[in-house]
Amino acid sequence: MKLLTAIKGITIFFVVIAAMPLKTQPLEPTQWYQINTPHVNLIFRGGMGEEAQRVANTLTHLYEPVAQSLGAQPTPIPLVLWGQNFVSNG
């Protein structure tokens, strides 16, 4: 039992030590841009302009049919496009 606890402790120690360089690396600067339409406020990173314009056009095209099916005119939707895979925290 003591050996198992010691192994767990050593494992946690090495995981923390291995993760420390990741924590100290500076974040790369990111330029953000915005496309505002009457129905969507689209925020996206640099280099994604073509995809962002496609998404803005698609959402603008779909706004009226969706609003009619809801029976209401929703307020503009803020939307952030993220071009990388990530896991949300919560």
PDB file of N, CA and C in Angstrom:
ATOM      1  N   MET A   1       0.830  -1.199   0.000  1.00  0.00           N
ATOM      2  CA  MET A   1       0.000   0.000   0.000  1.00  0.00           C
ATOM      3  C   MET A   1       0.866   1.251   0.000  1.00  0.00           C
ATOM      4  N   LYS A   2       1.931   1.248   0.808  1.00  0.00           N
ATOM      5  CA  LYS A   2       2.835   2.397   0.853  1.00  0.00           C
ATOM      6  C   LYS A   2       3.580   2.545  -0.473  1.00  0.00           C
ATOM      7  N   LEU A   3       3.901   1.414  -1.087  1.00  0.00           N
ATOM      8  CA  LEU A   3       4.598   1.450  -2.363  1.00  0.00           C
ATOM      9  C   LEU A   3       3.700   2.070  -3.437  1.00  0.00           C
ATOM     10  N   LEU A   4       2.430   1.706  -3.442  1.00  0.00           N
ATOM     11  CA  LEU A   4       1.474   2.247  -4.400  1.00  0.00           C
ATOM     12  C   LEU A   4       1.314   3.750  -4.214  1.00  0.00           C
ATOM     13  N   THR A   5       1.217   4.211  -2.992  1.00  0.00           N
ATOM     14  CA  THR A   5       1.119   5.635  -2.698  1.00  0.00           C
ATOM     15  C   THR A   5       2.379   6.369  -3.145  1.00  0.00           C
ATOM     16  N   ALA A   6       3.538   5.768  -2.921  1.00  0.00           N
ATOM     17  CA  ALA A   6       4.798   6.385  -3.339  1.00  0.00           C
ATOM     18  C   ALA A   6       4.870   6.484  -4.863  1.00  0.00           C
ATOM     19  N   ILE A   7       4.423   5.457  -5.565  1.00  0.00           N
ATOM     20  CA  ILE A   7       4.437   5.481  -7.026  1.00  0.00           C
ATOM     21  C   ILE A   7       3.493   6.566  -7.551  1.00  0.00           C
ATOM     22  N   LYS A   8       2.321   6.708  -6.959  1.00  0.00           N
ATOM     23  CA  LYS A   8       1.381   7.752  -7.356  1.00  0.00           C
ATOM     24  C   LYS A   8       1.989   9.136  -7.130  1.00  0.00           C
ATOM     25  N   GLY A   9       2.644   9.316  -5.990  1.00  0.00           N
ATOM     26  CA  GLY A   9       3.268  10.598  -5.681  1.00  0.00           C
ATOM     27  C   GLY A   9       4.365  10.952  -6.664  1.00  0.00           C
ATOM     28  N   ILE A  10       5.200   9.988  -6.997  1.00  0.00           N
ATOM     29  CA  ILE A  10       6.285  10.222  -7.953  1.00  0.00           C
ATOM     30  C   ILE A  10       5.723  10.524  -9.333  1.00  0.00           C
ATOM     31  N   THR A  11       4.676   9.826  -9.729  1.00  0.00           N
ATOM     32  CA  THR A  11       4.044  10.067 -11.027  1.00  0.00           C
ATOM     33  C   THR A  11       3.496  11.486 -11.103  1.00  0.00           C
ATOM     34  N   ILE A  12       2.801  11.906 -10.065  1.00  0.00           N
ATOM     35  CA  ILE A  12       2.248  13.268 -10.036  1.00  0.00           C
ATOM     36  C   ILE A  12       3.377  14.291 -10.090  1.00  0.00           C
ATOM     37  N   PHE A  13       4.457  14.043  -9.379  1.00  0.00           N
ATOM     38  CA  PHE A  13       5.604  14.948  -9.381  1.00  0.00           C
ATOM     39  C   PHE A  13       6.153  15.119 -10.797  1.00  0.00           C
ATOM     40  N   PHE A  14       6.347  14.017 -11.516  1.00  0.00           N
ATOM     41  CA  PHE A  14       6.903  14.095 -12.855  1.00  0.00           C
ATOM     42  C   PHE A  14       5.934  14.737 -13.851  1.00  0.00           C
ATOM     43  N   VAL A  15       4.658  14.529 -13.676  1.00  0.00           N
ATOM     44  CA  VAL A  15       3.668  15.172 -14.552  1.00  0.00           C
ATOM     45  C   VAL A  15       3.704  16.684 -14.353  1.00  0.00           C
ATOM     46  N   VAL A  16       3.783  17.119 -13.113  1.00  0.00           N
ATOM     47  CA  VAL A  16       3.851  18.559 -12.823  1.00  0.00           C
ATOM     48  C   VAL A  16       5.129  19.159 -13.391  1.00  0.00           C
ATOM     49  N   ILE A  17       6.249  18.483 -13.211  1.00  0.00           N
ATOM     50  CA  ILE A  17       7.526  18.970 -13.730  1.00  0.00           C
ATOM     51  C   ILE A  17       7.492  19.033 -15.263  1.00  0.00           C
ATOM     52  N   ALA A  18       6.896  18.043 -15.901  1.00  0.00           N
ATOM     53  CA  ALA A  18       6.832  18.014 -17.358  1.00  0.00           C
ATOM     54  C   ALA A  18       5.924  19.127 -17.898  1.00  0.00           C
ATOM     55  N   ALA A  19       4.907  19.517 -17.162  1.00  0.00           N
ATOM     56  CA  ALA A  19       3.962  20.529 -17.617  1.00  0.00           C
ATOM     57  C   ALA A  19       4.459  21.950 -17.376  1.00  0.00           C
ATOM     58  N   MET A  20       5.460  22.136 -16.549  1.00  0.00           N
ATOM     59  CA  MET A  20       5.930  23.482 -16.223  1.00  0.00           C
ATOM     60  C   MET A  20       6.438  24.255 -17.444  1.00  0.00           C
ATOM     61  N   PRO A  21       7.201  23.678 -18.354  1.00  0.00           N
ATOM     62  CA  PRO A  21       7.627  24.466 -19.519  1.00  0.00           C
ATOM     63  C   PRO A  21       6.458  24.956 -20.371  1.00  0.00           C
ATOM     64  N   LEU A  22       5.384  24.193 -20.426  1.00  0.00           N
ATOM     65  CA  LEU A  22       4.220  24.617 -21.192  1.00  0.00           C
ATOM     66  C   LEU A  22       3.590  25.855 -20.579  1.00  0.00           C
ATOM     67  N   LYS A  23       3.622  25.938 -19.265  1.00  0.00           N
ATOM     68  CA  LYS A  23       3.010  27.059 -18.573  1.00  0.00           C
ATOM     69  C   LYS A  23       3.823  28.335 -18.772  1.00  0.00           C
ATOM     70  N   THR A  24       5.123  28.217 -18.909  1.00  0.00           N
ATOM     71  CA  THR A  24       5.977  29.393 -18.988  1.00  0.00           C
ATOM     72  C   THR A  24       6.186  29.897 -20.409  1.00  0.00           C
ATOM     73  N   GLN A  25       5.699  29.179 -21.422  1.00  0.00           N
ATOM     74  CA  GLN A  25       5.874  29.638 -22.788  1.00  0.00           C
ATOM     75  C   GLN A  25       4.958  30.823 -23.061  1.00  0.00           C
ATOM     76  N   PRO A  26       5.503  31.875 -23.682  1.00  0.00           N
ATOM     77  CA  PRO A  26       4.646  33.029 -23.989  1.00  0.00           C
ATOM     78  C   PRO A  26       3.638  32.671 -25.082  1.00  0.00           C
ATOM     79  N   LEU A  27       2.480  33.278 -25.001  1.00  0.00           N
ATOM     80  CA  LEU A  27       1.460  33.062 -26.019  1.00  0.00           C
ATOM     81  C   LEU A  27       1.833  33.854 -27.260  1.00  0.00           C
ATOM     82  N   GLU A  28       1.595  33.266 -28.412  1.00  0.00           N
ATOM     83  CA  GLU A  28       1.893  33.981 -29.644  1.00  0.00           C
ATOM     84  C   GLU A  28       0.864  35.085 -29.837  1.00  0.00           C
ATOM     85  N   PRO A  29       1.293  36.241 -30.312  1.00  0.00           N
ATOM     86  CA  PRO A  29       0.320  37.326 -30.518  1.00  0.00           C
ATOM     87  C   PRO A  29      -0.662  36.949 -31.622  1.00  0.00           C
ATOM     88  N   THR A  30      -1.898  37.290 -31.419  1.00  0.00           N
ATOM     89  CA  THR A  30      -2.948  36.925 -32.361  1.00  0.00           C
ATOM     90  C   THR A  30      -3.712  38.181 -32.767  1.00  0.00           C
ATOM     91  N   GLN A  31      -3.872  38.345 -34.054  1.00  0.00           N
ATOM     92  CA  GLN A  31      -4.663  39.461 -34.576  1.00  0.00           C
ATOM     93  C   GLN A  31      -6.092  38.976 -34.782  1.00  0.00           C
ATOM     94  N   TRP A  32      -7.051  39.677 -34.199  1.00  0.00           N
ATOM     95  CA  TRP A  32      -8.453  39.308 -34.324  1.00  0.00           C
ATOM     96  C   TRP A  32      -9.153  40.299 -35.244  1.00  0.00           C
ATOM     97  N   TYR A  33     -10.108  39.808 -36.012  1.00  0.00           N
ATOM     98  CA  TYR A  33     -10.883  40.630 -36.933  1.00  0.00           C
ATOM     99  C   TYR A  33     -12.360  40.401 -36.663  1.00  0.00           C
ATOM    100  N   GLN A  34     -13.198  41.262 -37.256  1.00  0.00           N
ATOM    101  CA  GLN A  34     -14.625  41.165 -36.994  1.00  0.00           C
ATOM    102  C   GLN A  34     -15.405  41.452 -38.265  1.00  0.00           C
ATOM    103  N   ILE A  35     -16.461  40.679 -38.487  1.00  0.00           N
ATOM    104  CA  ILE A  35     -17.429  40.935 -39.558  1.00  0.00           C
ATOM    105  C   ILE A  35     -18.764  41.164 -38.871  1.00  0.00           C
ATOM    106  N   ASN A  36     -19.343  42.328 -39.101  1.00  0.00           N
ATOM    107  CA  ASN A  36     -20.640  42.653 -38.513  1.00  0.00           C
ATOM    108  C   ASN A  36     -21.698  42.687 -39.600  1.00  0.00           C
ATOM    109  N   THR A  37     -22.714  41.859 -39.437  1.00  0.00           N
ATOM    110  CA  THR A  37     -23.875  41.884 -40.324  1.00  0.00           C
ATOM    111  C   THR A  37     -25.072  42.274 -39.463  1.00  0.00           C
ATOM    112  N   PRO A  38     -26.214  42.544 -40.067  1.00  0.00           N
ATOM    113  CA  PRO A  38     -27.381  42.883 -39.245  1.00  0.00           C
ATOM    114  C   PRO A  38     -27.791  41.773 -38.271  1.00  0.00           C
ATOM    115  N   HIS A  39     -27.370  40.520 -38.542  1.00  0.00           N
ATOM    116  CA  HIS A  39     -27.823  39.401 -37.731  1.00  0.00           C
ATOM    117  C   HIS A  39     -26.718  38.679 -36.970  1.00  0.00           C
ATOM    118  N   VAL A  40     -25.458  38.872 -37.379  1.00  0.00           N
ATOM    119  CA  VAL A  40     -24.346  38.125 -36.784  1.00  0.00           C
ATOM    120  C   VAL A  40     -23.151  39.050 -36.588  1.00  0.00           C
ATOM    121  N   ASN A  41     -22.530  38.972 -35.410  1.00  0.00           N
ATOM    122  CA  ASN A  41     -21.255  39.630 -35.156  1.00  0.00           C
ATOM    123  C   ASN A  41     -20.218  38.519 -35.076  1.00  0.00           C
ATOM    124  N   LEU A  42     -19.411  38.388 -36.119  1.00  0.00           N
ATOM    125  CA  LEU A  42     -18.475  37.279 -36.255  1.00  0.00           C
ATOM    126  C   LEU A  42     -17.065  37.761 -35.929  1.00  0.00           C
ATOM    127  N   ILE A  43     -16.419  37.109 -34.964  1.00  0.00           N
ATOM    128  CA  ILE A  43     -15.056  37.443 -34.558  1.00  0.00           C
ATOM    129  C   ILE A  43     -14.181  36.258 -34.938  1.00  0.00           C
ATOM    130  N   PHE A  44     -13.037  36.541 -35.593  1.00  0.00           N
ATOM    131  CA  PHE A  44     -12.190  35.452 -36.069  1.00  0.00           C
ATOM    132  C   PHE A  44     -10.736  35.879 -36.057  1.00  0.00           C
ATOM    133  N   ARG A  45      -9.844  34.894 -36.088  1.00  0.00           N
ATOM    134  CA  ARG A  45      -8.410  35.137 -36.089  1.00  0.00           C
ATOM    135  C   ARG A  45      -7.927  35.435 -37.497  1.00  0.00           C
ATOM    136  N   GLY A  46      -6.775  36.103 -37.570  1.00  0.00           N
ATOM    137  CA  GLY A  46      -6.163  36.387 -38.856  1.00  0.00           C
ATOM    138  C   GLY A  46      -5.895  35.103 -39.621  1.00  0.00           C
ATOM    139  N   GLY A  47      -6.040  35.153 -40.935  1.00  0.00           N
ATOM    140  CA  GLY A  47      -5.825  33.972 -41.756  1.00  0.00           C
ATOM    141  C   GLY A  47      -7.084  33.156 -41.984  1.00  0.00           C
ATOM    142  N   MET A  48      -8.174  33.558 -41.361  1.00  0.00           N
ATOM    143  CA  MET A  48      -9.433  32.816 -41.519  1.00  0.00           C
ATOM    144  C   MET A  48     -10.485  33.657 -42.228  1.00  0.00           C
ATOM    145  N   GLY A  49     -10.063  34.702 -42.947  1.00  0.00           N
ATOM    146  CA  GLY A  49     -11.004  35.633 -43.551  1.00  0.00           C
ATOM    147  C   GLY A  49     -11.966  34.989 -44.525  1.00  0.00           C
ATOM    148  N   GLU A  50     -11.456  34.099 -45.356  1.00  0.00           N
ATOM    149  CA  GLU A  50     -12.297  33.449 -46.353  1.00  0.00           C
ATOM    150  C   GLU A  50     -13.369  32.575 -45.690  1.00  0.00           C
ATOM    151  N   GLU A  51     -12.960  31.786 -44.699  1.00  0.00           N
ATOM    152  CA  GLU A  51     -13.920  30.929 -43.990  1.00  0.00           C
ATOM    153  C   GLU A  51     -14.923  31.768 -43.199  1.00  0.00           C
ATOM    154  N   ALA A  52     -14.442  32.853 -42.599  1.00  0.00           N
ATOM    155  CA  ALA A  52     -15.332  33.716 -41.819  1.00  0.00           C
ATOM    156  C   ALA A  52     -16.378  34.360 -42.717  1.00  0.00           C
ATOM    157  N   GLN A  53     -15.977  34.797 -43.899  1.00  0.00           N
ATOM    158  CA  GLN A  53     -16.933  35.395 -44.828  1.00  0.00           C
ATOM    159  C   GLN A  53     -17.972  34.368 -45.270  1.00  0.00           C
ATOM    160  N   ARG A  54     -17.534  33.130 -45.488  1.00  0.00           N
ATOM    161  CA  ARG A  54     -18.463  32.060 -45.870  1.00  0.00           C
ATOM    162  C   ARG A  54     -19.473  31.799 -44.753  1.00  0.00           C
ATOM    163  N   VAL A  55     -18.996  31.747 -43.504  1.00  0.00           N
ATOM    164  CA  VAL A  55     -19.894  31.520 -42.364  1.00  0.00           C
ATOM    165  C   VAL A  55     -20.875  32.682 -42.220  1.00  0.00           C
ATOM    166  N   ALA A  56     -20.375  33.922 -42.354  1.00  0.00           N
ATOM    167  CA  ALA A  56     -21.250  35.094 -42.239  1.00  0.00           C
ATOM    168  C   ALA A  56     -22.328  35.072 -43.320  1.00  0.00           C
ATOM    169  N   ASN A  57     -21.947  34.735 -44.543  1.00  0.00           N
ATOM    170  CA  ASN A  57     -22.932  34.662 -45.633  1.00  0.00           C
ATOM    171  C   ASN A  57     -23.965  33.574 -45.390  1.00  0.00           C
ATOM    172  N   THR A  58     -23.506  32.418 -44.924  1.00  0.00           N
ATOM    173  CA  THR A  58     -24.420  31.303 -44.658  1.00  0.00           C
ATOM    174  C   THR A  58     -25.409  31.661 -43.551  1.00  0.00           C
ATOM    175  N   LEU A  59     -24.916  32.235 -42.457  1.00  0.00           N
ATOM    176  CA  LEU A  59     -25.803  32.589 -41.349  1.00  0.00           C
ATOM    177  C   LEU A  59     -26.783  33.692 -41.732  1.00  0.00           C
ATOM    178  N   THR A  60     -26.333  34.647 -42.548  1.00  0.00           N
ATOM    179  CA  THR A  60     -27.231  35.706 -43.006  1.00  0.00           C
ATOM    180  C   THR A  60     -28.329  35.121 -43.900  1.00  0.00           C
ATOM    181  N   HIS A  61     -27.955  34.174 -44.754  1.00  0.00           N
ATOM    182  CA  HIS A  61     -28.919  33.525 -45.645  1.00  0.00           C
ATOM    183  C   HIS A  61     -29.946  32.704 -44.859  1.00  0.00           C
ATOM    184  N   LEU A  62     -29.517  32.077 -43.775  1.00  0.00           N
ATOM    185  CA  LEU A  62     -30.409  31.221 -42.989  1.00  0.00           C
ATOM    186  C   LEU A  62     -31.225  31.982 -41.944  1.00  0.00           C
ATOM    187  N   TYR A  63     -30.918  33.240 -41.716  1.00  0.00           N
ATOM    188  CA  TYR A  63     -31.550  33.996 -40.631  1.00  0.00           C
ATOM    189  C   TYR A  63     -33.069  34.093 -40.802  1.00  0.00           C
ATOM    190  N   GLU A  64     -33.528  34.511 -41.977  1.00  0.00           N
ATOM    191  CA  GLU A  64     -34.976  34.701 -42.185  1.00  0.00           C
ATOM    192  C   GLU A  64     -35.782  33.410 -42.029  1.00  0.00           C
ATOM    193  N   PRO A  65     -35.393  32.287 -42.658  1.00  0.00           N
ATOM    194  CA  PRO A  65     -36.182  31.058 -42.462  1.00  0.00           C
ATOM    195  C   PRO A  65     -36.218  30.601 -40.995  1.00  0.00           C
ATOM    196  N   VAL A  66     -35.100  30.747 -40.314  1.00  0.00           N
ATOM    197  CA  VAL A  66     -35.066  30.337 -38.905  1.00  0.00           C
ATOM    198  C   VAL A  66     -35.912  31.278 -38.061  1.00  0.00           C
ATOM    199  N   ALA A  67     -35.830  32.576 -38.325  1.00  0.00           N
ATOM    200  CA  ALA A  67     -36.638  33.544 -37.571  1.00  0.00           C
ATOM    201  C   ALA A  67     -38.126  33.291 -37.786  1.00  0.00           C
ATOM    202  N   GLN A  68     -38.514  32.942 -39.014  1.00  0.00           N
ATOM    203  CA  GLN A  68     -39.919  32.648 -39.278  1.00  0.00           C
ATOM    204  C   GLN A  68     -40.368  31.388 -38.537  1.00  0.00           C
ATOM    205  N   SER A  69     -39.511  30.374 -38.497  1.00  0.00           N
ATOM    206  CA  SER A  69     -39.904  29.155 -37.793  1.00  0.00           C
ATOM    207  C   SER A  69     -39.984  29.378 -36.289  1.00  0.00           C
ATOM    208  N   LEU A  70     -39.192  30.309 -35.766  1.00  0.00           N
ATOM    209  CA  LEU A  70     -39.258  30.625 -34.336  1.00  0.00           C
ATOM    210  C   LEU A  70     -40.420  31.548 -34.014  1.00  0.00           C
ATOM    211  N   GLY A  71     -40.867  32.295 -35.016  1.00  0.00           N
ATOM    212  CA  GLY A  71     -41.932  33.262 -34.783  1.00  0.00           C
ATOM    213  C   GLY A  71     -41.423  34.496 -34.063  1.00  0.00           C
ATOM    214  N   ALA A  72     -40.130  34.796 -34.176  1.00  0.00           N
ATOM    215  CA  ALA A  72     -39.537  35.954 -33.502  1.00  0.00           C
ATOM    216  C   ALA A  72     -38.316  36.405 -34.282  1.00  0.00           C
ATOM    217  N   GLN A  73     -37.900  37.641 -34.050  1.00  0.00           N
ATOM    218  CA  GLN A  73     -36.691  38.176 -34.661  1.00  0.00           C
ATOM    219  C   GLN A  73     -35.600  38.238 -33.584  1.00  0.00           C
ATOM    220  N   PRO A  74     -34.699  37.259 -33.569  1.00  0.00           N
ATOM    221  CA  PRO A  74     -33.645  37.241 -32.544  1.00  0.00           C
ATOM    222  C   PRO A  74     -32.701  38.435 -32.686  1.00  0.00           C
ATOM    223  N   THR A  75     -32.066  38.790 -31.587  1.00  0.00           N
ATOM    224  CA  THR A  75     -31.058  39.853 -31.605  1.00  0.00           C
ATOM    225  C   THR A  75     -29.810  39.329 -32.314  1.00  0.00           C
ATOM    226  N   PRO A  76     -28.915  40.219 -32.731  1.00  0.00           N
ATOM    227  CA  PRO A  76     -27.684  39.753 -33.383  1.00  0.00           C
ATOM    228  C   PRO A  76     -26.911  38.775 -32.501  1.00  0.00           C
ATOM    229  N   ILE A  77     -26.346  37.786 -33.136  1.00  0.00           N
ATOM    230  CA  ILE A  77     -25.663  36.709 -32.430  1.00  0.00           C
ATOM    231  C   ILE A  77     -24.157  36.948 -32.479  1.00  0.00           C
ATOM    232  N   PRO A  78     -23.478  37.077 -31.328  1.00  0.00           N
ATOM    233  CA  PRO A  78     -22.012  37.140 -31.356  1.00  0.00           C
ATOM    234  C   PRO A  78     -21.451  35.723 -31.494  1.00  0.00           C
ATOM    235  N   LEU A  79     -20.507  35.556 -32.406  1.00  0.00           N
ATOM    236  CA  LEU A  79     -19.963  34.233 -32.684  1.00  0.00           C
ATOM    237  C   LEU A  79     -18.457  34.347 -32.863  1.00  0.00           C
ATOM    238  N   VAL A  80     -17.696  33.488 -32.178  1.00  0.00           N
ATOM    239  CA  VAL A  80     -16.245  33.471 -32.296  1.00  0.00           C
ATOM    240  C   VAL A  80     -15.845  32.217 -33.057  1.00  0.00           C
ATOM    241  N   LEU A  81     -15.106  32.407 -34.161  1.00  0.00           N
ATOM    242  CA  LEU A  81     -14.565  31.272 -34.911  1.00  0.00           C
ATOM    243  C   LEU A  81     -13.159  31.015 -34.415  1.00  0.00           C
ATOM    244  N   TRP A  82     -12.894  29.786 -34.067  1.00  0.00           N
ATOM    245  CA  TRP A  82     -11.575  29.391 -33.567  1.00  0.00           C
ATOM    246  C   TRP A  82     -11.039  28.354 -34.527  1.00  0.00           C
ATOM    247  N   GLY A  83      -9.892  28.613 -35.123  1.00  0.00           N
ATOM    248  CA  GLY A  83      -9.382  27.750 -36.177  1.00  0.00           C
ATOM    249  C   GLY A  83      -8.541  26.597 -35.694  1.00  0.00           C
ATOM    250  N   GLN A  84      -8.541  26.321 -34.408  1.00  0.00           N
ATOM    251  CA  GLN A  84      -7.744  25.228 -33.870  1.00  0.00           C
ATOM    252  C   GLN A  84      -8.644  24.359 -33.003  1.00  0.00           C
ATOM    253  N   ASN A  85      -8.262  23.115 -32.859  1.00  0.00           N
ATOM    254  CA  ASN A  85      -9.007  22.249 -31.957  1.00  0.00           C
ATOM    255  C   ASN A  85      -8.645  22.594 -30.522  1.00  0.00           C
ATOM    256  N   PHE A  86      -9.639  22.646 -29.665  1.00  0.00           N
ATOM    257  CA  PHE A  86      -9.387  22.887 -28.264  1.00  0.00           C
ATOM    258  C   PHE A  86     -10.514  22.256 -27.457  1.00  0.00           C
ATOM    259  N   VAL A  87     -10.256  22.066 -26.196  1.00  0.00           N
ATOM    260  CA  VAL A  87     -11.234  21.494 -25.286  1.00  0.00           C
ATOM    261  C   VAL A  87     -11.703  22.615 -24.376  1.00  0.00           C
ATOM    262  N   SER A  88     -13.007  22.848 -24.319  1.00  0.00           N
ATOM    263  CA  SER A  88     -13.500  23.918 -23.477  1.00  0.00           C
ATOM    264  C   SER A  88     -13.353  23.540 -22.012  1.00  0.00           C
ATOM    265  N   ASN A  89     -13.219  24.534 -21.194  1.00  0.00           N
ATOM    266  CA  ASN A  89     -13.028  24.312 -19.758  1.00  0.00           C
ATOM    267  C   ASN A  89     -14.344  24.588 -19.054  1.00  0.00           C
ATOM    268  N   GLY A  90     -15.273  23.713 -19.195  1.00  0.00           N
ATOM    269  CA  GLY A  90     -16.533  23.892 -18.494  1.00  0.00           C
ATOM    270  C   GLY A  90     -17.623  23.753 -19.440  1.00  0.00           C
TER     271      GLY A  90
END
